[in-house]
Amino acid sequence: MDLEVLNNEDGKTMVWAVIVLAVIGYLVYPGTSPFKADYYNLKAENNLKDLHRACNRYWADGVAQKLVTKATGIKREVGDCDLETVTNDPYNFKMLEGMKIEIVDGTKGGFQATGRHDEGDKLIKVNASGNIES
């Protein structure tokens, strides 16, 4: 780089711009950020919300199945929500890589699940209303 460029205002502005971009990049990139755990805690929260939505679709199918049973006499019970069921079609819940999730109560009225990402520092909980606690 030509030293004359650094001696004028445009050169100093360019150097400051590069420094500012480097600092922002460091803070934002999850691998080096001091906010890395917060980033993965947020991902864990979102993954648990996705699980709650998948369980709600499963329970809605249970309501529909009761109507089918009344109309046709063919009985198929829909029970508690569990990970094995909601990861399949048509619910398609995808657990994030690095996530550990446990469904504590799979009933619609008392639903509770906990989860933690390997890179996060909090145990996240979701309740029957879909509210997150950490």
C-alpha atoms as a PDB file:
ATOM      1  CA  MET A   1       0.000   0.000   0.000  1.00  0.00           C
ATOM      2  CA  ASP A   2       1.338   3.462  -0.889  1.00  0.00           C
ATOM      3  CA  LEU A   3       2.278   5.515   2.206  1.00  0.00           C
ATOM      4  CA  GLU A   4       0.869   8.676   0.637  1.00  0.00           C
ATOM      5  CA  VAL A   5      -2.586   7.084   0.762  1.00  0.00           C
ATOM      6  CA  LEU A   6      -2.237   6.670   4.551  1.00  0.00           C
ATOM      7  CA  ASN A   7      -1.105  10.257   5.017  1.00  0.00           C
ATOM      8  CA  ASN A   8      -4.273  11.817   3.650  1.00  0.00           C
ATOM      9  CA  GLU A   9      -7.807  11.746   5.084  1.00  0.00           C
ATOM     10  CA  ASP A  10      -9.067   9.130   2.600  1.00  0.00           C
ATOM     11  CA  GLY A  11      -6.347   6.707   3.693  1.00  0.00           C
ATOM     12  CA  LYS A  12      -7.115   7.172   7.382  1.00  0.00           C
ATOM     13  CA  THR A  13     -10.821   6.695   6.706  1.00  0.00           C
ATOM     14  CA  MET A  14     -10.099   3.476   4.835  1.00  0.00           C
ATOM     15  CA  VAL A  15      -7.921   2.141   7.663  1.00  0.00           C
ATOM     16  CA  TRP A  16     -10.599   2.961  10.254  1.00  0.00           C
ATOM     17  CA  ALA A  17     -13.256   1.322   8.087  1.00  0.00           C
ATOM     18  CA  VAL A  18     -11.206  -1.882   7.877  1.00  0.00           C
ATOM     19  CA  ILE A  19     -10.624  -1.883  11.647  1.00  0.00           C
ATOM     20  CA  VAL A  20     -14.320  -1.317  12.396  1.00  0.00           C
ATOM     21  CA  LEU A  21     -15.355  -4.104   9.995  1.00  0.00           C
ATOM     22  CA  ALA A  22     -12.832  -6.489  11.577  1.00  0.00           C
ATOM     23  CA  VAL A  23     -14.147  -5.781  15.086  1.00  0.00           C
ATOM     24  CA  ILE A  24     -17.780  -6.189  13.997  1.00  0.00           C
ATOM     25  CA  GLY A  25     -16.905  -9.422  12.201  1.00  0.00           C
ATOM     26  CA  TYR A  26     -15.253 -10.759  15.336  1.00  0.00           C
ATOM     27  CA  LEU A  27     -18.251  -9.901  17.500  1.00  0.00           C
ATOM     28  CA  VAL A  28     -20.859 -11.242  15.093  1.00  0.00           C
ATOM     29  CA  TYR A  29     -19.252 -14.510  13.953  1.00  0.00           C
ATOM     30  CA  PRO A  30     -20.517 -17.264  16.285  1.00  0.00           C
ATOM     31  CA  GLY A  31     -17.237 -19.159  16.362  1.00  0.00           C
ATOM     32  CA  THR A  32     -15.234 -16.325  17.909  1.00  0.00           C
ATOM     33  CA  SER A  33     -17.898 -14.117  19.418  1.00  0.00           C
ATOM     34  CA  PRO A  34     -18.087 -13.471  23.140  1.00  0.00           C
ATOM     35  CA  PHE A  35     -21.827 -13.885  22.555  1.00  0.00           C
ATOM     36  CA  LYS A  36     -21.423 -17.455  21.258  1.00  0.00           C
ATOM     37  CA  ALA A  37     -23.383 -19.062  24.122  1.00  0.00           C
ATOM     38  CA  ASP A  38     -26.211 -16.531  23.701  1.00  0.00           C
ATOM     39  CA  TYR A  39     -26.367 -17.357  19.975  1.00  0.00           C
ATOM     40  CA  TYR A  40     -26.747 -21.082  20.669  1.00  0.00           C
ATOM     41  CA  ASN A  41     -29.209 -20.483  23.519  1.00  0.00           C
ATOM     42  CA  LEU A  42     -31.404 -18.556  21.057  1.00  0.00           C
ATOM     43  CA  LYS A  43     -31.130 -21.394  18.541  1.00  0.00           C
ATOM     44  CA  ALA A  44     -32.175 -23.833  21.287  1.00  0.00           C
ATOM     45  CA  GLU A  45     -35.205 -21.656  22.128  1.00  0.00           C
ATOM     46  CA  ASN A  46     -36.269 -21.587  18.490  1.00  0.00           C
ATOM     47  CA  ASN A  47     -35.822 -25.346  18.160  1.00  0.00           C
ATOM     48  CA  LEU A  48     -38.036 -25.935  21.206  1.00  0.00           C
ATOM     49  CA  LYS A  49     -40.680 -23.610  19.746  1.00  0.00           C
ATOM     50  CA  ASP A  50     -40.547 -25.707  16.557  1.00  0.00           C
ATOM     51  CA  LEU A  51     -41.054 -28.832  18.679  1.00  0.00           C
ATOM     52  CA  HIS A  52     -44.089 -27.256  20.358  1.00  0.00           C
ATOM     53  CA  ARG A  53     -45.578 -26.390  16.947  1.00  0.00           C
ATOM     54  CA  ALA A  54     -44.995 -29.953  15.705  1.00  0.00           C
ATOM     55  CA  CYS A  55     -46.703 -31.360  18.808  1.00  0.00           C
ATOM     56  CA  ASN A  56     -49.652 -29.005  18.259  1.00  0.00           C
ATOM     57  CA  ARG A  57     -50.027 -30.348  14.707  1.00  0.00           C
ATOM     58  CA  TYR A  58     -49.942 -33.878  16.146  1.00  0.00           C
ATOM     59  CA  TRP A  59     -52.633 -33.090  18.718  1.00  0.00           C
ATOM     60  CA  ALA A  60     -54.774 -31.389  16.042  1.00  0.00           C
ATOM     61  CA  ASP A  61     -54.617 -34.645  14.077  1.00  0.00           C
ATOM     62  CA  GLY A  62     -55.926 -36.364  17.203  1.00  0.00           C
ATOM     63  CA  VAL A  63     -58.996 -34.105  17.228  1.00  0.00           C
ATOM     64  CA  ALA A  64     -59.546 -34.774  13.528  1.00  0.00           C
ATOM     65  CA  GLN A  65     -59.122 -38.513  14.123  1.00  0.00           C
ATOM     66  CA  LYS A  66     -61.873 -38.482  16.755  1.00  0.00           C
ATOM     67  CA  LEU A  67     -64.236 -36.993  14.154  1.00  0.00           C
ATOM     68  CA  VAL A  68     -63.202 -39.677  11.649  1.00  0.00           C
ATOM     69  CA  THR A  69     -63.792 -42.354  14.289  1.00  0.00           C
ATOM     70  CA  LYS A  70     -67.327 -41.048  14.898  1.00  0.00           C
ATOM     71  CA  ALA A  71     -68.082 -40.994  11.183  1.00  0.00           C
ATOM     72  CA  THR A  72     -66.432 -44.266  10.139  1.00  0.00           C
ATOM     73  CA  GLY A  73     -66.074 -46.313  13.298  1.00  0.00           C
ATOM     74  CA  ILE A  74     -62.361 -46.802  12.549  1.00  0.00           C
ATOM     75  CA  LYS A  75     -60.565 -46.010  15.760  1.00  0.00           C
ATOM     76  CA  ARG A  76     -57.009 -44.723  15.913  1.00  0.00           C
ATOM     77  CA  GLU A  77     -55.915 -43.136  19.152  1.00  0.00           C
ATOM     78  CA  VAL A  78     -53.510 -40.237  19.183  1.00  0.00           C
ATOM     79  CA  GLY A  79     -51.594 -40.202  22.439  1.00  0.00           C
ATOM     80  CA  ASP A  80     -48.844 -38.136  23.963  1.00  0.00           C
ATOM     81  CA  CYS A  81     -46.436 -36.202  21.800  1.00  0.00           C
ATOM     82  CA  ASP A  82     -43.013 -37.829  21.562  1.00  0.00           C
ATOM     83  CA  LEU A  83     -39.852 -37.128  19.584  1.00  0.00           C
ATOM     84  CA  GLU A  84     -40.071 -40.287  17.503  1.00  0.00           C
ATOM     85  CA  THR A  85     -43.555 -39.386  16.261  1.00  0.00           C
ATOM     86  CA  VAL A  86     -43.037 -35.700  15.496  1.00  0.00           C
ATOM     87  CA  THR A  87     -39.758 -36.215  13.603  1.00  0.00           C
ATOM     88  CA  ASN A  88     -41.656 -38.212  10.957  1.00  0.00           C
ATOM     89  CA  ASP A  89     -44.154 -37.174   8.272  1.00  0.00           C
ATOM     90  CA  PRO A  90     -46.338 -35.150   8.379  1.00  0.00           C
ATOM     91  CA  TYR A  91     -44.951 -33.261  11.390  1.00  0.00           C
ATOM     92  CA  ASN A  92     -41.289 -33.148  10.271  1.00  0.00           C
ATOM     93  CA  PHE A  93     -39.686 -31.694  13.378  1.00  0.00           C
ATOM     94  CA  LYS A  94     -35.929 -31.343  12.852  1.00  0.00           C
ATOM     95  CA  MET A  95     -33.756 -31.382  15.944  1.00  0.00           C
ATOM     96  CA  LEU A  96     -30.724 -29.159  15.516  1.00  0.00           C
ATOM     97  CA  GLU A  97     -27.330 -30.759  15.473  1.00  0.00           C
ATOM     98  CA  GLY A  98     -25.868 -30.433  18.946  1.00  0.00           C
ATOM     99  CA  MET A  99     -29.293 -30.256  20.625  1.00  0.00           C
ATOM    100  CA  LYS A 100     -30.439 -32.523  23.411  1.00  0.00           C
ATOM    101  CA  ILE A 101     -34.199 -32.459  23.958  1.00  0.00           C
ATOM    102  CA  GLU A 102     -36.359 -34.267  26.482  1.00  0.00           C
ATOM    103  CA  ILE A 103     -40.144 -34.202  26.475  1.00  0.00           C
ATOM    104  CA  VAL A 104     -41.021 -34.247  30.180  1.00  0.00           C
ATOM    105  CA  ASP A 105     -44.807 -34.298  29.681  1.00  0.00           C
ATOM    106  CA  GLY A 106     -46.198 -35.077  26.235  1.00  0.00           C
ATOM    107  CA  THR A 107     -49.846 -34.362  27.000  1.00  0.00           C
ATOM    108  CA  LYS A 108     -51.526 -31.395  25.349  1.00  0.00           C
ATOM    109  CA  GLY A 109     -52.600 -29.726  28.601  1.00  0.00           C
ATOM    110  CA  GLY A 110     -49.418 -30.315  30.554  1.00  0.00           C
ATOM    111  CA  PHE A 111     -46.796 -30.254  27.823  1.00  0.00           C
ATOM    112  CA  GLN A 112     -43.259 -29.564  29.001  1.00  0.00           C
ATOM    113  CA  ALA A 113     -39.983 -30.086  27.200  1.00  0.00           C
ATOM    114  CA  THR A 114     -36.421 -29.123  28.001  1.00  0.00           C
ATOM    115  CA  GLY A 115     -33.461 -28.685  25.725  1.00  0.00           C
ATOM    116  CA  ARG A 116     -29.892 -27.545  25.638  1.00  0.00           C
ATOM    117  CA  HIS A 117     -27.466 -26.948  22.813  1.00  0.00           C
ATOM    118  CA  ASP A 118     -23.939 -28.298  23.307  1.00  0.00           C
ATOM    119  CA  GLU A 119     -22.523 -24.818  22.692  1.00  0.00           C
ATOM    120  CA  GLY A 120     -25.099 -23.003  24.862  1.00  0.00           C
ATOM    121  CA  ASP A 121     -24.927 -22.422  28.587  1.00  0.00           C
ATOM    122  CA  LYS A 122     -28.631 -22.610  29.562  1.00  0.00           C
ATOM    123  CA  LEU A 123     -31.253 -25.299  29.924  1.00  0.00           C
ATOM    124  CA  ILE A 124     -34.273 -24.018  28.004  1.00  0.00           C
ATOM    125  CA  LYS A 125     -37.857 -25.079  28.832  1.00  0.00           C
ATOM    126  CA  VAL A 126     -41.073 -24.775  26.842  1.00  0.00           C
ATOM    127  CA  ASN A 127     -44.520 -25.230  28.375  1.00  0.00           C
ATOM    128  CA  ALA A 128     -47.997 -26.122  27.075  1.00  0.00           C
ATOM    129  CA  SER A 129     -48.629 -22.510  26.029  1.00  0.00           C
ATOM    130  CA  GLY A 130     -45.417 -22.424  24.002  1.00  0.00           C
ATOM    131  CA  ASN A 131     -43.793 -20.009  26.424  1.00  0.00           C
ATOM    132  CA  ILE A 132     -40.036 -20.277  26.855  1.00  0.00           C
ATOM    133  CA  GLU A 133     -38.311 -20.300  30.238  1.00  0.00           C
ATOM    134  CA  SER A 134     -34.585 -20.383  30.776  1.00  0.00           C
END
